[in-house]
Protein backbone atom coordinates (compact mmCIF):
# COMPACT_ATOMS: atom_id res chain seq x y z
CA UNK A 1 -204.90 -94.26 -27.48
CA UNK A 2 -202.72 -94.82 -24.52
CA UNK A 3 -203.96 -95.78 -20.87
CA UNK A 4 -203.21 -92.30 -19.62
CA UNK A 5 -205.10 -90.70 -22.73
CA UNK A 6 -208.22 -92.65 -21.77
CA UNK A 7 -207.92 -91.98 -18.12
CA UNK A 8 -207.80 -88.23 -18.84
CA UNK A 9 -210.71 -88.39 -20.96
CA UNK A 10 -213.11 -90.61 -19.42
CA UNK A 11 -214.85 -88.28 -16.51
CA UNK A 12 -218.54 -88.35 -16.57
CA UNK A 13 -218.80 -91.13 -19.09
CA UNK A 14 -220.57 -94.77 -18.35
CA UNK A 15 -217.91 -97.28 -18.84
CA UNK A 16 -215.10 -95.14 -17.75
CA UNK A 17 -212.17 -96.17 -15.77
CA UNK A 18 -211.87 -94.51 -12.51
CA UNK A 19 -213.59 -93.44 -9.38
CA UNK A 20 -212.50 -89.84 -8.74
CA UNK A 21 -210.21 -89.47 -11.77
CA UNK A 22 -207.95 -86.28 -11.72
CA UNK A 23 -204.78 -84.86 -12.62
CA UNK A 24 -202.12 -84.42 -9.84
CA UNK A 25 -198.45 -83.13 -10.39
CA UNK A 26 -198.74 -83.52 -14.10
CA UNK A 27 -199.98 -87.18 -14.09
CA UNK A 28 -203.07 -89.36 -13.71
CA UNK A 29 -204.37 -90.06 -10.48
CA UNK A 30 -207.09 -92.59 -10.34
CA UNK A 31 -208.48 -95.78 -8.51
CA UNK A 32 -208.28 -98.99 -10.10
CA UNK A 33 -210.41 -101.03 -7.92
CA UNK A 34 -213.04 -101.37 -10.54
CA UNK A 35 -210.86 -101.96 -13.48
CA UNK A 36 -211.00 -105.09 -15.46
CA UNK A 37 -207.82 -106.25 -17.30
CA UNK A 38 -207.77 -108.45 -20.35
CA UNK A 39 -211.51 -109.77 -19.42
CA UNK A 40 -210.44 -110.80 -15.75
CA UNK A 41 -211.14 -109.13 -12.39
CA UNK A 42 -208.36 -106.80 -11.10
CA UNK A 43 -208.33 -106.23 -7.39
CA UNK A 44 -205.38 -104.02 -7.65
CA UNK A 45 -204.68 -101.46 -4.64
CA UNK A 46 -206.24 -98.30 -5.24
CA UNK A 47 -204.64 -94.71 -5.65
CA UNK A 48 -202.05 -95.35 -8.44
CA UNK A 49 -200.20 -92.41 -9.80
CA UNK A 50 -198.82 -92.58 -13.21
CA UNK A 51 -196.70 -89.77 -15.05
CA UNK A 52 -197.70 -88.21 -18.16
CA UNK A 53 -194.52 -88.02 -19.70
CA UNK A 54 -195.45 -89.89 -22.92
CA UNK A 55 -197.20 -92.96 -24.30
CA UNK A 56 -194.07 -95.18 -23.81
CA UNK A 57 -193.13 -93.86 -20.43
CA UNK A 58 -196.50 -93.42 -18.86
CA UNK A 59 -196.13 -96.35 -16.66
CA UNK A 60 -192.60 -95.97 -15.64
CA UNK A 61 -192.76 -93.69 -12.62
CA UNK A 62 -194.30 -93.54 -9.14
CA UNK A 63 -196.52 -96.67 -8.64
CA UNK A 64 -198.02 -96.05 -5.12
CA UNK A 65 -196.35 -97.78 -2.28
CA UNK A 66 -193.71 -99.20 -4.54
CA UNK A 67 -196.44 -100.85 -6.95
CA UNK A 68 -199.85 -102.35 -7.32
CA UNK A 69 -200.67 -104.68 -4.35
CA UNK A 70 -200.01 -108.19 -5.13
CA UNK A 71 -197.24 -107.53 -7.76
CA UNK A 72 -193.74 -106.92 -7.63
CA UNK A 73 -191.15 -105.73 -10.41
CA UNK A 74 -189.83 -109.03 -11.93
CA UNK A 75 -188.63 -109.94 -15.37
CA UNK A 76 -192.05 -111.00 -16.77
CA UNK A 77 -193.65 -107.56 -15.59
CA UNK A 78 -190.86 -105.69 -17.09
CA UNK A 79 -189.04 -102.66 -15.42
CA UNK A 80 -191.93 -100.59 -14.77
CA UNK A 81 -191.92 -100.32 -10.95
CA UNK A 82 -194.18 -103.34 -10.39
CA UNK A 83 -197.17 -102.23 -12.94
CA UNK A 84 -197.88 -105.67 -14.67
CA UNK A 85 -197.52 -105.72 -18.73
CA UNK A 86 -201.45 -106.28 -18.87
CA UNK A 87 -202.23 -102.91 -17.36
CA UNK A 88 -199.20 -101.29 -19.59
CA UNK A 89 -201.08 -102.42 -22.67
CA UNK A 90 -203.96 -100.51 -23.96
CA UNK A 91 -206.07 -103.86 -24.55
CA UNK A 92 -208.21 -103.33 -21.36
CA UNK A 93 -211.92 -103.66 -20.76
CA UNK A 94 -213.35 -100.90 -18.71
CA UNK A 95 -216.43 -101.93 -16.75
CA UNK A 96 -216.80 -99.18 -14.13
CA UNK A 97 -219.01 -96.05 -14.14
CA UNK A 98 -216.89 -93.00 -13.40
CA UNK A 99 -218.00 -91.05 -10.03
CA UNK A 100 -217.71 -87.46 -10.19
CA UNK A 101 -217.19 -87.11 -6.62
CA UNK A 102 -214.09 -85.03 -6.97
CA UNK A 103 -210.73 -85.18 -5.46
CA UNK A 104 -210.38 -86.13 -1.89
CA UNK A 105 -207.57 -85.76 0.66
CA UNK A 106 -205.89 -88.82 -0.25
CA UNK A 107 -205.07 -87.34 -3.69
CA UNK A 108 -202.56 -84.85 -1.93
CA UNK A 109 -201.07 -87.41 0.14
CA UNK A 110 -197.56 -87.38 -1.75
CA UNK A 111 -195.27 -84.32 -1.83
CA UNK A 112 -196.24 -82.13 -4.78
CA UNK A 113 -193.87 -82.45 -7.89
CA UNK A 114 -192.90 -79.95 -10.74
CA UNK A 115 -194.77 -79.84 -14.02
CA UNK A 116 -195.32 -77.27 -16.61
CA UNK A 117 -198.00 -75.24 -14.54
CA UNK A 118 -196.17 -75.00 -11.27
CA UNK A 119 -195.08 -71.38 -10.66
CA UNK A 120 -193.40 -71.99 -7.31
CA UNK A 121 -193.13 -74.93 -4.80
CA UNK A 122 -191.74 -74.88 -1.40
CA UNK A 123 -191.45 -78.36 0.50
CA UNK A 124 -190.01 -76.41 3.47
CA UNK A 125 -187.61 -79.11 4.44
CA UNK A 126 -184.48 -78.60 6.40
CA UNK A 127 -181.77 -77.45 6.06
CA UNK A 128 -183.08 -75.32 3.16
CA UNK A 129 -186.64 -74.47 3.76
CA UNK A 130 -186.55 -71.56 1.54
CA UNK A 131 -185.83 -73.08 -1.79
CA UNK A 132 -188.38 -72.96 -4.71
CA UNK A 133 -187.97 -76.53 -5.77
CA UNK A 134 -189.50 -75.76 -9.27
CA UNK A 135 -188.02 -72.31 -10.27
CA UNK A 136 -186.18 -69.22 -9.05
CA UNK A 137 -188.57 -67.81 -6.41
CA UNK A 138 -186.60 -68.60 -3.48
CA UNK A 139 -187.87 -67.25 -0.04
CA UNK A 140 -186.26 -65.70 2.95
CA UNK A 141 -186.58 -66.95 6.23
CA UNK A 142 -187.85 -64.71 9.05
CA UNK A 143 -187.70 -66.36 12.31
CA UNK A 144 -189.39 -69.75 11.52
CA UNK A 145 -188.52 -73.04 12.94
CA UNK A 146 -188.26 -76.40 11.83
CA UNK A 147 -191.02 -79.06 12.79
CA UNK A 148 -191.88 -82.69 11.62
CA UNK A 149 -193.88 -82.42 8.58
CA UNK A 150 -197.28 -84.20 7.88
CA UNK A 151 -195.68 -87.54 7.78
CA UNK A 152 -192.28 -89.06 7.24
CA UNK A 153 -192.78 -88.80 3.42
CA UNK A 154 -193.30 -84.98 3.61
CA UNK A 155 -190.30 -84.55 5.74
CA UNK A 156 -189.91 -81.23 7.50
CA UNK A 157 -192.23 -78.34 7.85
CA UNK A 158 -192.08 -74.85 9.23
CA UNK A 159 -193.46 -73.52 12.45
CA UNK A 160 -194.69 -69.73 12.71
CA UNK A 161 -195.12 -68.29 16.05
CA UNK A 162 -198.16 -66.12 15.38
CA UNK A 163 -196.18 -62.91 16.35
CA UNK A 164 -193.00 -62.25 14.24
CA UNK A 165 -192.00 -65.43 11.96
CA UNK A 166 -192.75 -65.53 8.28
CA UNK A 167 -191.36 -66.56 4.99
CA UNK A 168 -191.11 -63.85 2.32
CA UNK A 169 -190.62 -64.44 -1.34
CA UNK A 170 -189.60 -61.17 -3.37
CA UNK A 171 -192.03 -59.97 -5.91
CA UNK A 172 -192.11 -61.84 -9.22
CA UNK A 173 -194.39 -61.16 -12.02
CA UNK A 174 -194.52 -64.97 -12.37
CA UNK A 175 -196.71 -64.85 -9.27
CA UNK A 176 -199.41 -62.17 -10.83
CA UNK A 177 -202.37 -63.56 -12.72
CA UNK A 178 -204.07 -60.66 -13.78
CA UNK A 179 -207.72 -60.67 -14.03
CA UNK A 180 -208.59 -63.46 -15.96
CA UNK A 181 -205.79 -66.04 -15.32
CA UNK A 182 -206.63 -69.39 -13.95
CA UNK A 183 -204.40 -70.27 -10.95
CA UNK A 184 -204.34 -72.32 -7.68
CA UNK A 185 -202.73 -71.70 -4.37
CA UNK A 186 -202.42 -74.71 -1.91
CA UNK A 187 -200.73 -75.75 1.28
CA UNK A 188 -200.79 -78.09 4.10
CA UNK A 189 -201.57 -76.33 7.42
CA UNK A 190 -202.01 -77.00 11.20
CA UNK A 191 -203.30 -74.25 13.28
CA UNK A 192 -201.86 -74.13 16.82
CA UNK A 193 -204.23 -71.48 18.29
CA UNK A 194 -207.57 -70.26 17.28
CA UNK A 195 -207.01 -67.74 14.41
CA UNK A 196 -208.16 -64.25 14.29
CA UNK A 197 -209.76 -62.33 11.33
CA UNK A 198 -207.10 -61.94 8.68
CA UNK A 199 -204.48 -64.35 9.92
CA UNK A 200 -202.88 -65.60 6.64
CA UNK A 201 -201.41 -68.83 5.67
CA UNK A 202 -200.08 -67.69 2.36
CA UNK A 203 -200.64 -64.67 0.15
CA UNK A 204 -199.53 -61.85 -2.15
CA UNK A 205 -201.28 -58.76 -1.16
CA UNK A 206 -200.06 -54.96 -1.49
CA UNK A 207 -200.42 -51.92 0.57
CA UNK A 208 -203.02 -50.86 -2.23
CA UNK A 209 -204.97 -53.84 -1.55
CA UNK A 210 -204.35 -55.74 -4.85
CA UNK A 211 -203.34 -59.44 -4.64
CA UNK A 212 -204.69 -62.74 -3.19
CA UNK A 213 -204.35 -64.78 -0.05
CA UNK A 214 -205.47 -67.83 2.06
CA UNK A 215 -206.52 -66.24 5.29
CA UNK A 216 -209.17 -66.62 8.14
CA UNK A 217 -212.08 -64.43 7.49
CA UNK A 218 -214.92 -63.46 9.86
CA UNK A 219 -217.34 -63.56 6.98
CA UNK A 220 -217.58 -67.41 7.06
CA UNK A 221 -215.69 -67.90 10.61
CA UNK A 222 -213.37 -70.16 8.67
CA UNK A 223 -210.48 -70.18 6.10
CA UNK A 224 -211.13 -68.42 2.87
CA UNK A 225 -209.90 -67.46 -0.55
CA UNK A 226 -209.60 -63.78 -1.13
CA UNK A 227 -209.00 -61.97 -4.43
CA UNK A 228 -208.27 -58.13 -4.29
CA UNK A 229 -208.15 -55.70 -6.98
CA UNK A 230 -207.73 -52.34 -5.22
CA UNK A 231 -211.53 -51.45 -5.26
CA UNK A 232 -212.79 -54.38 -3.26
CA UNK A 233 -212.38 -58.12 -2.93
CA UNK A 234 -214.37 -61.36 -3.42
CA UNK A 235 -213.99 -64.14 -0.79
CA UNK A 236 -215.12 -67.91 -0.86
CA UNK A 237 -214.66 -70.04 2.27
CA UNK A 238 -216.36 -72.45 4.89
CA UNK A 239 -216.95 -72.27 8.39
CA UNK A 240 -214.20 -74.03 10.72
CA UNK A 241 -210.90 -72.89 12.35
CA UNK A 242 -209.42 -76.46 11.85
CA UNK A 243 -207.64 -75.96 15.20
CA UNK A 244 -208.09 -79.84 16.02
CA UNK A 245 -204.11 -80.57 16.15
CA UNK A 246 -204.41 -82.35 12.65
CA UNK A 247 -203.13 -81.50 9.38
CA UNK A 248 -205.27 -80.02 6.71
CA UNK A 249 -204.90 -79.33 3.13
CA UNK A 250 -206.36 -76.16 1.57
CA UNK A 251 -206.50 -75.02 -2.04
CA UNK A 252 -207.66 -71.99 -3.48
CA UNK A 253 -208.59 -72.07 -7.24
CA UNK A 254 -209.48 -69.45 -9.71
CA UNK A 255 -211.01 -70.79 -12.90
CA UNK A 256 -213.29 -69.85 -16.03
CA UNK A 257 -211.21 -66.74 -16.93
CA UNK A 258 -211.10 -65.44 -13.49
CA UNK A 259 -215.05 -65.63 -12.71
CA UNK A 260 -215.21 -68.66 -10.54
CA UNK A 261 -213.43 -69.23 -7.13
CA UNK A 262 -213.45 -72.53 -5.37
CA UNK A 263 -212.04 -73.60 -2.19
CA UNK A 264 -211.26 -77.27 -1.24
CA UNK A 265 -210.57 -78.47 2.10
CA UNK A 266 -208.79 -82.00 2.66
CA UNK A 267 -209.77 -82.74 -1.07
CA UNK A 268 -213.41 -81.80 -0.75
CA UNK A 269 -215.06 -78.80 -2.43
CA UNK A 270 -215.95 -76.54 0.54
CA UNK A 271 -217.43 -73.56 -1.34
CA UNK A 272 -217.61 -72.14 -4.90
CA UNK A 273 -218.66 -68.83 -5.95
CA UNK A 274 -219.25 -66.81 -9.16
CA UNK A 275 -217.03 -63.64 -8.87
CA UNK A 276 -215.86 -60.64 -10.91
CA UNK A 277 -212.60 -61.14 -12.70
CA UNK A 278 -210.58 -59.04 -10.30
CA UNK A 279 -207.18 -58.11 -11.49
CA UNK A 280 -204.79 -59.38 -8.56
CA UNK A 281 -201.33 -58.11 -9.89
CA UNK A 282 -199.44 -56.54 -7.03
CA UNK A 283 -195.76 -55.78 -6.49
CA UNK A 284 -195.92 -57.25 -2.92
CA UNK A 285 -193.95 -60.35 -2.02
CA UNK A 286 -195.49 -63.69 -1.58
CA UNK A 287 -195.59 -64.22 2.30
CA UNK A 288 -195.94 -67.46 4.24
CA UNK A 289 -197.29 -67.15 7.64
CA UNK A 290 -198.65 -63.56 7.45
CA UNK A 291 -199.98 -60.69 5.32
CA UNK A 292 -197.47 -58.34 3.91
CA UNK A 293 -199.05 -55.14 3.01
CA UNK A 294 -195.92 -53.25 1.35
CA UNK A 295 -194.21 -50.41 2.85
CA UNK A 296 -192.56 -52.73 5.53
CA UNK A 297 -195.89 -53.61 7.18
CA UNK A 298 -196.10 -57.22 8.16
CA UNK A 299 -199.53 -57.96 9.98
CA UNK A 300 -201.99 -60.78 10.55
CA UNK A 301 -199.81 -63.72 11.69
CA UNK A 302 -200.57 -67.17 11.47
CA UNK A 303 -199.66 -69.22 14.50
CA UNK A 304 -199.15 -72.90 13.56
CA UNK A 305 -197.36 -75.24 10.94
CA UNK A 306 -197.08 -75.04 7.24
CA UNK A 307 -195.94 -77.56 4.74
CA UNK A 308 -195.78 -78.13 0.67
CA UNK A 309 -196.90 -74.71 -0.45
CA UNK A 310 -197.34 -74.69 -4.03
CA UNK A 311 -198.61 -71.68 -6.68
CA UNK A 312 -199.77 -72.96 -9.85
CA UNK A 313 -200.84 -71.20 -13.24
CA UNK A 314 -203.75 -73.48 -13.49
CA UNK A 315 -206.85 -74.45 -12.00
CA UNK A 316 -205.68 -77.82 -10.25
CA UNK A 317 -208.30 -79.69 -8.24
């Protein structure tokens, strides 16, 4: 068993490795502060991301901030980006008790990567903000402008004027998830005005009211995840306009064969509900910055900035 295998299977186990273990962009994302290596105390920097490429390459990519604090890539440590050989081996002692607090905002601090579950990914960087970085679902820009992203690592984002600007991704069946498919829609966003009911960050909602979206909803006076099937909708969300000048991360997760809807704000579970398995398939485009009801109608505009939009065919957080 490799270290990554162990990490993936130790949630909720006494003697497990990590505080807040979770999967991110196809990798293991964990806290090493309570890890004991070869019988000795290990005070490594927390938040190390390892790839899941395989047992021999599990340690070969993306140590956070260039490597574990206190170690540099050197001959005696191999060529694994600064992760020491002691950690690369499977001969480790685990003395931590897993905390099941779940993901937090630090878990989303890096730009997303592509994995087998990524359906579409938009880094929204200039000069090609419309590109789907993981597939062929490129977007069409309709009047958005470039703005600095969440931080230097995120590069550029797109700004939406709340009146006419949006991004539109032509309909693709890959962006439909039926009534039972698990999926996640997520984005970083920063409102620049108080939102109105229905103002949409990202969504795929047709004129016959089938689809899904991340939208401001008066039902909770906050951002919500909505799932529509033509005969009604289910929504889950928490209060708060989040118009505070800061960037926030939102993730809408449908799981359990379409019967659980969960919303995460800045990495924390904000709300979760049992819902009927609504068929959200539609022929509408995916839109960023408004709701497109089809037939040429573009309504309910988002005013603010958006970065790192990802749609995945799995329940991520």
